[in-house]
Amino acid sequence: MTTPLRRALRHKSFAIGSALVALLVVTALVSLWWTPYPPGDIDVAHKLQPPSAAHWLGTDSLGRDIASLLIAGSRNSIAVGVIAVGIGMLFGVVLGLLAAARRGWVEEAVLRLSDFTVAFPALLTAIMLTAIYGPGLVTSIVAIGIFNVPWFARITRASARGVWARDYATAARACGKGRLAITLEHVLPNIASALIVQATIQFAIAILAEAALSYLGLGTQPPQASWGRMLNEAQQMLFQAPQLALWPGLAIALSVLGLNLMGDGLRDLLDPRLARQR
């Protein structure tokens, strides 16, 4: 009989993904107290330096230390992902549970609202918000958070409807329990695993969306570090110094890969049928 920890460590996707995500989280935490150099420090006299003991990954076109920018950029990626996914889960889960519990016109209204929101991806939402409030980190978080709401609402509704059809939910209703009590005591605990897996997927999408918005100048603004803005600045020197695009691109790719692998692993580990097979 294998323990849950041993089963998790034996799952290659989950183990590799967790290692990459742990590296991202540790890097973000370290950036709160330390970076090799202040990320915003400009030293034009030492621009485009190759990797060395002084600058581990070299310097960019303004003489800023690339390693420091990457480390500081991880903090913004984590912040956007956590808050944006939190917004999506908070409103999406509530709407999905309400739709599954009430059915009828309430369910139809939630579905139509989800369809309407999906029609406005994070980029368009960010453009509209930028026109009103200006670009910035908060604009990215709100735009990506709004984008996440319908996805959580849909998966919550679909999963919750399956639970409401179960015998124990029917028995609870027969015993006189109200919809709210059944939702909190039976429905929500039984769909938590699906929501956790969806959260890891949306976290990866949030990191990509933040990088894209920063690349277009709608997200994180100077002097704050951002992987997407590093890519934007690197495109002008792509042939002269391709490493400027390599490092932030690699950071984004590894972060998204880690979250997707961890999400796939969690799906397998939290599914009772797959767990028994392992």
C-alpha atoms as a PDB file:
ATOM      1  CA  MET A   1       0.000   0.000   0.000  1.00  0.00           C
ATOM      2  CA  THR A   2       1.707   3.172  -1.168  1.00  0.00           C
ATOM      3  CA  THR A   3       1.373   6.404   0.756  1.00  0.00           C
ATOM      4  CA  PRO A   4       0.048   9.533  -1.009  1.00  0.00           C
ATOM      5  CA  LEU A   5       3.485  11.171  -0.811  1.00  0.00           C
ATOM      6  CA  ARG A   6       5.238   8.168  -2.314  1.00  0.00           C
ATOM      7  CA  ARG A   7       2.612   7.913  -5.039  1.00  0.00           C
ATOM      8  CA  ALA A   8       3.064  11.609  -5.818  1.00  0.00           C
ATOM      9  CA  LEU A   9       6.842  11.295  -6.021  1.00  0.00           C
ATOM     10  CA  ARG A  10       6.499   8.313  -8.340  1.00  0.00           C
ATOM     11  CA  HIS A  11       4.372  10.358 -10.733  1.00  0.00           C
ATOM     12  CA  LYS A  12       6.955  11.830 -13.101  1.00  0.00           C
ATOM     13  CA  SER A  13       4.833  14.691 -14.423  1.00  0.00           C
ATOM     14  CA  PHE A  14       3.862  15.813 -10.953  1.00  0.00           C
ATOM     15  CA  ALA A  15       7.406  15.495  -9.591  1.00  0.00           C
ATOM     16  CA  ILE A  16       9.004  17.452 -12.448  1.00  0.00           C
ATOM     17  CA  GLY A  17       6.245  20.053 -12.493  1.00  0.00           C
ATOM     18  CA  SER A  18       6.388  20.532  -8.727  1.00  0.00           C
ATOM     19  CA  ALA A  19      10.160  20.998  -8.879  1.00  0.00           C
ATOM     20  CA  LEU A  20       9.836  23.708 -11.547  1.00  0.00           C
ATOM     21  CA  VAL A  21       7.018  25.451  -9.673  1.00  0.00           C
ATOM     22  CA  ALA A  22       8.977  25.255  -6.415  1.00  0.00           C
ATOM     23  CA  LEU A  23      11.943  26.871  -8.173  1.00  0.00           C
ATOM     24  CA  LEU A  24       9.679  29.684  -9.395  1.00  0.00           C
ATOM     25  CA  VAL A  25       8.199  30.242  -5.932  1.00  0.00           C
ATOM     26  CA  VAL A  26      11.577  30.164  -4.186  1.00  0.00           C
ATOM     27  CA  THR A  27      12.989  32.617  -6.718  1.00  0.00           C
ATOM     28  CA  ALA A  28      10.067  34.985  -6.134  1.00  0.00           C
ATOM     29  CA  LEU A  29      10.499  34.752  -2.366  1.00  0.00           C
ATOM     30  CA  VAL A  30      14.244  35.371  -2.594  1.00  0.00           C
ATOM     31  CA  SER A  31      13.593  38.452  -4.741  1.00  0.00           C
ATOM     32  CA  LEU A  32      11.747  40.049  -1.818  1.00  0.00           C
ATOM     33  CA  TRP A  33      15.048  40.375   0.071  1.00  0.00           C
ATOM     34  CA  TRP A  34      17.871  39.932  -2.406  1.00  0.00           C
ATOM     35  CA  THR A  35      18.887  40.273  -6.050  1.00  0.00           C
ATOM     36  CA  PRO A  36      22.493  40.383  -7.339  1.00  0.00           C
ATOM     37  CA  TYR A  37      21.969  44.046  -8.292  1.00  0.00           C
ATOM     38  CA  PRO A  38      19.043  46.469  -7.965  1.00  0.00           C
ATOM     39  CA  PRO A  39      16.902  45.510 -11.004  1.00  0.00           C
ATOM     40  CA  GLY A  40      16.394  49.081 -12.141  1.00  0.00           C
ATOM     41  CA  ASP A  41      20.022  50.195 -11.927  1.00  0.00           C
ATOM     42  CA  ILE A  42      21.308  51.454 -15.295  1.00  0.00           C
ATOM     43  CA  ASP A  43      25.006  51.191 -16.159  1.00  0.00           C
ATOM     44  CA  VAL A  44      25.366  52.100 -19.840  1.00  0.00           C
ATOM     45  CA  ALA A  45      29.137  51.813 -19.655  1.00  0.00           C
ATOM     46  CA  HIS A  46      28.755  48.050 -19.115  1.00  0.00           C
ATOM     47  CA  LYS A  47      25.873  47.327 -21.495  1.00  0.00           C
ATOM     48  CA  LEU A  48      25.576  44.035 -23.406  1.00  0.00           C
ATOM     49  CA  GLN A  49      28.178  42.315 -21.247  1.00  0.00           C
ATOM     50  CA  PRO A  50      28.468  38.511 -21.679  1.00  0.00           C
ATOM     51  CA  PRO A  51      27.865  36.200 -18.706  1.00  0.00           C
ATOM     52  CA  SER A  52      30.593  36.528 -16.084  1.00  0.00           C
ATOM     53  CA  ALA A  53      31.215  36.201 -12.367  1.00  0.00           C
ATOM     54  CA  ALA A  54      30.013  39.782 -11.914  1.00  0.00           C
ATOM     55  CA  HIS A  55      26.909  39.374 -14.084  1.00  0.00           C
ATOM     56  CA  TRP A  56      25.797  35.744 -14.190  1.00  0.00           C
ATOM     57  CA  LEU A  57      23.640  36.124 -17.314  1.00  0.00           C
ATOM     58  CA  GLY A  58      25.215  39.296 -18.661  1.00  0.00           C
ATOM     59  CA  THR A  59      23.669  42.746 -18.995  1.00  0.00           C
ATOM     60  CA  ASP A  60      21.069  44.248 -21.309  1.00  0.00           C
ATOM     61  CA  SER A  61      21.202  47.264 -23.638  1.00  0.00           C
ATOM     62  CA  LEU A  62      21.013  49.647 -20.658  1.00  0.00           C
ATOM     63  CA  GLY A  63      23.585  47.833 -18.561  1.00  0.00           C
ATOM     64  CA  ARG A  64      21.042  46.304 -16.206  1.00  0.00           C
ATOM     65  CA  ASP A  65      21.842  42.910 -14.729  1.00  0.00           C
ATOM     66  CA  ILE A  66      19.728  40.287 -16.533  1.00  0.00           C
ATOM     67  CA  ALA A  67      19.753  37.815 -13.623  1.00  0.00           C
ATOM     68  CA  SER A  68      18.388  40.507 -11.301  1.00  0.00           C
ATOM     69  CA  LEU A  69      15.638  41.389 -13.778  1.00  0.00           C
ATOM     70  CA  LEU A  70      14.647  37.724 -14.113  1.00  0.00           C
ATOM     71  CA  ILE A  71      14.574  37.178 -10.361  1.00  0.00           C
ATOM     72  CA  ALA A  72      12.525  40.325  -9.759  1.00  0.00           C
ATOM     73  CA  GLY A  73      10.240  39.507 -12.689  1.00  0.00           C
ATOM     74  CA  SER A  74       9.298  36.176 -11.123  1.00  0.00           C
ATOM     75  CA  ARG A  75       7.751  38.065  -8.216  1.00  0.00           C
ATOM     76  CA  ASN A  76       5.400  39.984 -10.504  1.00  0.00           C
ATOM     77  CA  SER A  77       4.471  36.812 -12.402  1.00  0.00           C
ATOM     78  CA  ILE A  78       3.592  35.045  -9.147  1.00  0.00           C
ATOM     79  CA  ALA A  79       1.630  38.045  -7.875  1.00  0.00           C
ATOM     80  CA  VAL A  80      -0.411  38.360 -11.069  1.00  0.00           C
ATOM     81  CA  GLY A  81      -1.064  34.625 -11.179  1.00  0.00           C
ATOM     82  CA  VAL A  82      -2.138  34.278  -7.552  1.00  0.00           C
ATOM     83  CA  ILE A  83      -4.393  37.356  -7.443  1.00  0.00           C
ATOM     84  CA  ALA A  84      -5.895  36.894 -10.914  1.00  0.00           C
ATOM     85  CA  VAL A  85      -6.641  33.212 -10.324  1.00  0.00           C
ATOM     86  CA  GLY A  86      -8.006  34.110  -6.884  1.00  0.00           C
ATOM     87  CA  ILE A  87     -10.409  36.606  -8.471  1.00  0.00           C
ATOM     88  CA  GLY A  88     -11.469  34.037 -11.043  1.00  0.00           C
ATOM     89  CA  MET A  89     -12.044  31.349  -8.432  1.00  0.00           C
ATOM     90  CA  LEU A  90     -13.916  33.614  -6.028  1.00  0.00           C
ATOM     91  CA  PHE A  91     -16.501  34.843  -8.505  1.00  0.00           C
ATOM     92  CA  GLY A  92     -16.468  31.858 -10.854  1.00  0.00           C
ATOM     93  CA  VAL A  93     -16.991  29.227  -8.174  1.00  0.00           C
ATOM     94  CA  VAL A  94     -19.812  31.200  -6.552  1.00  0.00           C
ATOM     95  CA  LEU A  95     -21.583  31.649  -9.894  1.00  0.00           C
ATOM     96  CA  GLY A  96     -21.055  28.004 -10.868  1.00  0.00           C
ATOM     97  CA  LEU A  97     -22.386  26.707  -7.546  1.00  0.00           C
ATOM     98  CA  LEU A  98     -25.365  29.030  -7.779  1.00  0.00           C
ATOM     99  CA  ALA A  99     -26.149  27.857 -11.306  1.00  0.00           C
ATOM    100  CA  ALA A 100     -25.960  24.182 -10.330  1.00  0.00           C
ATOM    101  CA  ALA A 101     -28.056  24.647  -7.210  1.00  0.00           C
ATOM    102  CA  ARG A 102     -30.823  26.836  -8.598  1.00  0.00           C
ATOM    103  CA  ARG A 103     -31.047  25.649 -12.224  1.00  0.00           C
ATOM    104  CA  GLY A 104     -33.704  27.304 -14.429  1.00  0.00           C
ATOM    105  CA  TRP A 105     -33.282  30.940 -15.371  1.00  0.00           C
ATOM    106  CA  VAL A 106     -30.417  31.406 -12.866  1.00  0.00           C
ATOM    107  CA  GLU A 107     -28.347  28.735 -14.591  1.00  0.00           C
ATOM    108  CA  GLU A 108     -29.198  30.154 -17.997  1.00  0.00           C
ATOM    109  CA  ALA A 109     -28.199  33.662 -16.892  1.00  0.00           C
ATOM    110  CA  VAL A 110     -24.837  32.438 -15.571  1.00  0.00           C
ATOM    111  CA  LEU A 111     -24.142  30.563 -18.807  1.00  0.00           C
ATOM    112  CA  ARG A 112     -25.010  33.552 -20.995  1.00  0.00           C
ATOM    113  CA  LEU A 113     -22.889  35.835 -18.796  1.00  0.00           C
ATOM    114  CA  SER A 114     -20.001  33.383 -19.172  1.00  0.00           C
ATOM    115  CA  ASP A 115     -20.430  33.359 -22.951  1.00  0.00           C
ATOM    116  CA  PHE A 116     -20.416  37.153 -23.012  1.00  0.00           C
ATOM    117  CA  THR A 117     -17.259  37.342 -20.875  1.00  0.00           C
ATOM    118  CA  VAL A 118     -15.420  34.746 -22.977  1.00  0.00           C
ATOM    119  CA  ALA A 119     -16.045  36.959 -26.011  1.00  0.00           C
ATOM    120  CA  PHE A 120     -13.714  39.539 -24.431  1.00  0.00           C
ATOM    121  CA  PRO A 121     -10.299  37.920 -23.882  1.00  0.00           C
ATOM    122  CA  ALA A 122      -7.800  39.341 -21.412  1.00  0.00           C
ATOM    123  CA  LEU A 123      -6.116  41.437 -24.103  1.00  0.00           C
ATOM    124  CA  LEU A 124      -9.292  43.272 -25.127  1.00  0.00           C
ATOM    125  CA  THR A 125     -10.289  43.734 -21.500  1.00  0.00           C
ATOM    126  CA  ALA A 126      -6.845  45.143 -20.721  1.00  0.00           C
ATOM    127  CA  ILE A 127      -7.109  47.565 -23.665  1.00  0.00           C
ATOM    128  CA  MET A 128     -10.469  48.829 -22.402  1.00  0.00           C
ATOM    129  CA  LEU A 129      -9.199  49.201 -18.838  1.00  0.00           C
ATOM    130  CA  THR A 130      -6.022  50.892 -20.060  1.00  0.00           C
ATOM    131  CA  ALA A 131      -8.083  53.457 -21.949  1.00  0.00           C
ATOM    132  CA  ILE A 132      -9.874  54.323 -18.697  1.00  0.00           C
ATOM    133  CA  TYR A 133      -7.282  53.837 -15.938  1.00  0.00           C
ATOM    134  CA  GLY A 134      -3.966  53.632 -17.800  1.00  0.00           C
ATOM    135  CA  PRO A 135      -1.547  50.691 -18.097  1.00  0.00           C
ATOM    136  CA  GLY A 136      -0.083  48.970 -15.063  1.00  0.00           C
ATOM    137  CA  LEU A 137       0.155  45.838 -12.953  1.00  0.00           C
ATOM    138  CA  VAL A 138      -3.323  46.326 -11.474  1.00  0.00           C
ATOM    139  CA  THR A 139      -4.800  46.587 -14.969  1.00  0.00           C
ATOM    140  CA  SER A 140      -3.217  43.235 -15.869  1.00  0.00           C
ATOM    141  CA  ILE A 141      -4.499  41.577 -12.710  1.00  0.00           C
ATOM    142  CA  VAL A 142      -8.069  42.798 -13.185  1.00  0.00           C
ATOM    143  CA  ALA A 143      -8.140  41.914 -16.898  1.00  0.00           C
ATOM    144  CA  ILE A 144      -6.779  38.400 -16.350  1.00  0.00           C
ATOM    145  CA  GLY A 145      -9.019  37.920 -13.309  1.00  0.00           C
ATOM    146  CA  ILE A 146     -12.133  38.787 -15.335  1.00  0.00           C
ATOM    147  CA  PHE A 147     -10.940  36.419 -18.062  1.00  0.00           C
ATOM    148  CA  ASN A 148     -10.681  33.586 -15.492  1.00  0.00           C
ATOM    149  CA  VAL A 149     -14.199  33.949 -14.079  1.00  0.00           C
ATOM    150  CA  PRO A 150     -16.183  32.157 -16.848  1.00  0.00           C
ATOM    151  CA  TRP A 151     -13.779  29.214 -16.960  1.00  0.00           C
ATOM    152  CA  PHE A 152     -14.150  28.563 -13.242  1.00  0.00           C
ATOM    153  CA  ALA A 153     -17.907  29.125 -13.464  1.00  0.00           C
ATOM    154  CA  ARG A 154     -18.260  26.540 -16.228  1.00  0.00           C
ATOM    155  CA  ILE A 155     -16.170  23.810 -14.622  1.00  0.00           C
ATOM    156  CA  THR A 156     -17.807  24.440 -11.230  1.00  0.00           C
ATOM    157  CA  ARG A 157     -21.287  24.178 -12.698  1.00  0.00           C
ATOM    158  CA  ALA A 158     -20.488  21.013 -14.661  1.00  0.00           C
ATOM    159  CA  SER A 159     -18.818  19.306 -11.689  1.00  0.00           C
ATOM    160  CA  ALA A 160     -21.481  20.428  -9.209  1.00  0.00           C
ATOM    161  CA  ARG A 161     -24.329  19.152 -11.368  1.00  0.00           C
ATOM    162  CA  GLY A 162     -22.742  15.724 -11.254  1.00  0.00           C
ATOM    163  CA  VAL A 163     -22.639  15.848  -7.459  1.00  0.00           C
ATOM    164  CA  TRP A 164     -26.255  17.044  -7.209  1.00  0.00           C
ATOM    165  CA  ALA A 165     -27.290  13.923  -9.145  1.00  0.00           C
ATOM    166  CA  ARG A 166     -25.635  11.614  -6.604  1.00  0.00           C
ATOM    167  CA  ASP A 167     -27.661   9.566  -4.129  1.00  0.00           C
ATOM    168  CA  TYR A 168     -26.137  11.234  -1.048  1.00  0.00           C
ATOM    169  CA  ALA A 169     -27.187  14.676  -2.318  1.00  0.00           C
ATOM    170  CA  THR A 170     -30.703  13.377  -2.935  1.00  0.00           C
ATOM    171  CA  ALA A 171     -30.734  11.836   0.549  1.00  0.00           C
ATOM    172  CA  ALA A 172     -29.608  15.129   2.081  1.00  0.00           C
ATOM    173  CA  ARG A 173     -32.463  16.943   0.355  1.00  0.00           C
ATOM    174  CA  ALA A 174     -34.895  14.290   1.566  1.00  0.00           C
ATOM    175  CA  CYS A 175     -33.676  14.919   5.125  1.00  0.00           C
ATOM    176  CA  GLY A 176     -34.652  18.555   4.802  1.00  0.00           C
ATOM    177  CA  LYS A 177     -31.273  20.167   4.191  1.00  0.00           C
ATOM    178  CA  GLY A 178     -31.339  23.377   2.214  1.00  0.00           C
ATOM    179  CA  ARG A 179     -29.470  24.076  -0.993  1.00  0.00           C
ATOM    180  CA  LEU A 180     -26.826  26.174   0.775  1.00  0.00           C
ATOM    181  CA  ALA A 181     -26.055  23.482   3.348  1.00  0.00           C
ATOM    182  CA  ILE A 182     -25.824  20.769   0.693  1.00  0.00           C
ATOM    183  CA  THR A 183     -23.597  22.974  -1.436  1.00  0.00           C
ATOM    184  CA  LEU A 184     -21.175  23.678   1.417  1.00  0.00           C
ATOM    185  CA  GLU A 185     -21.187  20.215   3.007  1.00  0.00           C
ATOM    186  CA  HIS A 186     -21.386  17.922  -0.008  1.00  0.00           C
ATOM    187  CA  VAL A 187     -20.954  19.681  -3.346  1.00  0.00           C
ATOM    188  CA  LEU A 188     -17.973  21.953  -2.725  1.00  0.00           C
ATOM    189  CA  PRO A 189     -15.759  19.331  -0.995  1.00  0.00           C
ATOM    190  CA  ASN A 190     -16.399  16.841  -3.799  1.00  0.00           C
ATOM    191  CA  ILE A 191     -15.449  19.236  -6.597  1.00  0.00           C
ATOM    192  CA  ALA A 192     -12.441  20.760  -4.824  1.00  0.00           C
ATOM    193  CA  SER A 193      -9.964  18.515  -6.662  1.00  0.00           C
ATOM    194  CA  ALA A 194     -11.285  19.623 -10.064  1.00  0.00           C
ATOM    195  CA  LEU A 195     -11.012  23.258  -9.004  1.00  0.00           C
ATOM    196  CA  ILE A 196      -7.418  22.791  -7.817  1.00  0.00           C
ATOM    197  CA  VAL A 197      -6.402  21.276 -11.138  1.00  0.00           C
ATOM    198  CA  GLN A 198      -8.158  24.070 -13.033  1.00  0.00           C
ATOM    199  CA  ALA A 199      -6.402  26.652 -10.858  1.00  0.00           C
ATOM    200  CA  THR A 200      -2.963  25.350 -11.863  1.00  0.00           C
ATOM    201  CA  ILE A 201      -3.940  25.519 -15.533  1.00  0.00           C
ATOM    202  CA  GLN A 202      -5.299  29.053 -15.195  1.00  0.00           C
ATOM    203  CA  PHE A 203      -2.155  30.040 -13.268  1.00  0.00           C
ATOM    204  CA  ALA A 204      -0.039  29.049 -16.268  1.00  0.00           C
ATOM    205  CA  ILE A 205      -2.348  30.984 -18.595  1.00  0.00           C
ATOM    206  CA  ALA A 206      -2.134  34.003 -16.274  1.00  0.00           C
ATOM    207  CA  ILE A 207       1.674  34.028 -16.477  1.00  0.00           C
ATOM    208  CA  LEU A 208       1.488  33.906 -20.278  1.00  0.00           C
ATOM    209  CA  ALA A 209      -1.173  36.620 -20.354  1.00  0.00           C
ATOM    210  CA  GLU A 210       0.832  38.901 -18.051  1.00  0.00           C
ATOM    211  CA  ALA A 211       3.907  38.478 -20.233  1.00  0.00           C
ATOM    212  CA  ALA A 212       1.858  39.245 -23.351  1.00  0.00           C
ATOM    213  CA  LEU A 213       0.279  42.357 -21.824  1.00  0.00           C
ATOM    214  CA  SER A 214       3.652  43.626 -20.592  1.00  0.00           C
ATOM    215  CA  TYR A 215       5.144  42.915 -24.013  1.00  0.00           C
ATOM    216  CA  LEU A 216       2.480  45.154 -25.558  1.00  0.00           C
ATOM    217  CA  GLY A 217       3.053  47.860 -22.948  1.00  0.00           C
ATOM    218  CA  LEU A 218      -0.300  47.332 -21.194  1.00  0.00           C
ATOM    219  CA  GLY A 219       0.997  45.479 -18.139  1.00  0.00           C
ATOM    220  CA  THR A 220       3.808  46.016 -15.665  1.00  0.00           C
ATOM    221  CA  GLN A 221       5.443  49.400 -16.160  1.00  0.00           C
ATOM    222  CA  PRO A 222       9.033  50.566 -15.500  1.00  0.00           C
ATOM    223  CA  PRO A 223      10.866  50.503 -13.169  1.00  0.00           C
ATOM    224  CA  GLN A 224       9.206  47.208 -12.120  1.00  0.00           C
ATOM    225  CA  ALA A 225      10.734  44.147 -13.747  1.00  0.00           C
ATOM    226  CA  SER A 226       8.664  42.018 -16.111  1.00  0.00           C
ATOM    227  CA  TRP A 227       9.554  39.058 -18.311  1.00  0.00           C
ATOM    228  CA  GLY A 228       7.209  40.302 -21.029  1.00  0.00           C
ATOM    229  CA  ARG A 229       8.753  43.742 -21.116  1.00  0.00           C
ATOM    230  CA  MET A 230      12.222  42.177 -21.240  1.00  0.00           C
ATOM    231  CA  LEU A 231      11.105  40.403 -24.424  1.00  0.00           C
ATOM    232  CA  ASN A 232       9.782  43.657 -25.828  1.00  0.00           C
ATOM    233  CA  GLU A 233      13.087  45.427 -25.198  1.00  0.00           C
ATOM    234  CA  ALA A 234      15.063  42.478 -26.589  1.00  0.00           C
ATOM    235  CA  GLN A 235      13.323  42.417 -29.979  1.00  0.00           C
ATOM    236  CA  GLN A 236      15.214  45.506 -31.127  1.00  0.00           C
ATOM    237  CA  MET A 237      18.531  43.723 -30.591  1.00  0.00           C
ATOM    238  CA  LEU A 238      17.514  40.208 -31.533  1.00  0.00           C
ATOM    239  CA  PHE A 239      20.411  39.644 -33.951  1.00  0.00           C
ATOM    240  CA  GLN A 240      23.002  41.626 -32.034  1.00  0.00           C
ATOM    241  CA  ALA A 241      22.257  40.081 -28.621  1.00  0.00           C
ATOM    242  CA  PRO A 242      19.829  37.126 -28.915  1.00  0.00           C
ATOM    243  CA  GLN A 243      20.457  36.120 -25.291  1.00  0.00           C
ATOM    244  CA  LEU A 244      18.348  39.093 -24.194  1.00  0.00           C
ATOM    245  CA  ALA A 245      15.275  37.288 -25.520  1.00  0.00           C
ATOM    246  CA  LEU A 246      16.503  33.811 -24.598  1.00  0.00           C
ATOM    247  CA  TRP A 247      16.511  34.207 -20.812  1.00  0.00           C
ATOM    248  CA  PRO A 248      13.027  35.717 -20.252  1.00  0.00           C
ATOM    249  CA  GLY A 249      11.570  33.379 -22.882  1.00  0.00           C
ATOM    250  CA  LEU A 250      13.108  30.398 -21.112  1.00  0.00           C
ATOM    251  CA  ALA A 251      11.801  31.607 -17.751  1.00  0.00           C
ATOM    252  CA  ILE A 252       8.254  31.906 -19.106  1.00  0.00           C
ATOM    253  CA  ALA A 253       8.455  28.525 -20.852  1.00  0.00           C
ATOM    254  CA  LEU A 254       9.743  26.679 -17.774  1.00  0.00           C
ATOM    255  CA  SER A 255       7.166  28.298 -15.506  1.00  0.00           C
ATOM    256  CA  VAL A 256       4.259  27.423 -17.783  1.00  0.00           C
ATOM    257  CA  LEU A 257       5.633  23.918 -18.374  1.00  0.00           C
ATOM    258  CA  GLY A 258       5.997  23.325 -14.643  1.00  0.00           C
ATOM    259  CA  LEU A 259       2.443  24.437 -13.883  1.00  0.00           C
ATOM    260  CA  ASN A 260       0.986  22.341 -16.708  1.00  0.00           C
ATOM    261  CA  LEU A 261       2.925  19.244 -15.651  1.00  0.00           C
ATOM    262  CA  MET A 262       1.886  19.748 -12.041  1.00  0.00           C
ATOM    263  CA  GLY A 263      -1.723  20.195 -13.118  1.00  0.00           C
ATOM    264  CA  ASP A 264      -1.640  16.980 -15.143  1.00  0.00           C
ATOM    265  CA  GLY A 265      -0.095  15.170 -12.203  1.00  0.00           C
ATOM    266  CA  LEU A 266      -2.677  16.520  -9.761  1.00  0.00           C
ATOM    267  CA  ARG A 267      -5.478  15.449 -12.079  1.00  0.00           C
ATOM    268  CA  ASP A 268      -4.138  11.894 -12.096  1.00  0.00           C
ATOM    269  CA  LEU A 269      -3.416  11.794  -8.365  1.00  0.00           C
ATOM    270  CA  LEU A 270      -6.723  13.324  -7.255  1.00  0.00           C
ATOM    271  CA  ASP A 271      -8.849  11.141  -9.541  1.00  0.00           C
ATOM    272  CA  PRO A 272      -9.808   8.103  -7.389  1.00  0.00           C
ATOM    273  CA  ARG A 273     -10.002   5.803 -10.413  1.00  0.00           C
ATOM    274  CA  LEU A 274      -6.500   6.733 -11.579  1.00  0.00           C
ATOM    275  CA  ALA A 275      -5.184   6.658  -8.024  1.00  0.00           C
ATOM    276  CA  ARG A 276      -6.348   3.046  -7.609  1.00  0.00           C
ATOM    277  CA  GLN A 277      -4.583   2.104 -10.836  1.00  0.00           C
ATOM    278  CA  ARG A 278      -1.357   3.477  -9.412  1.00  0.00           C
END
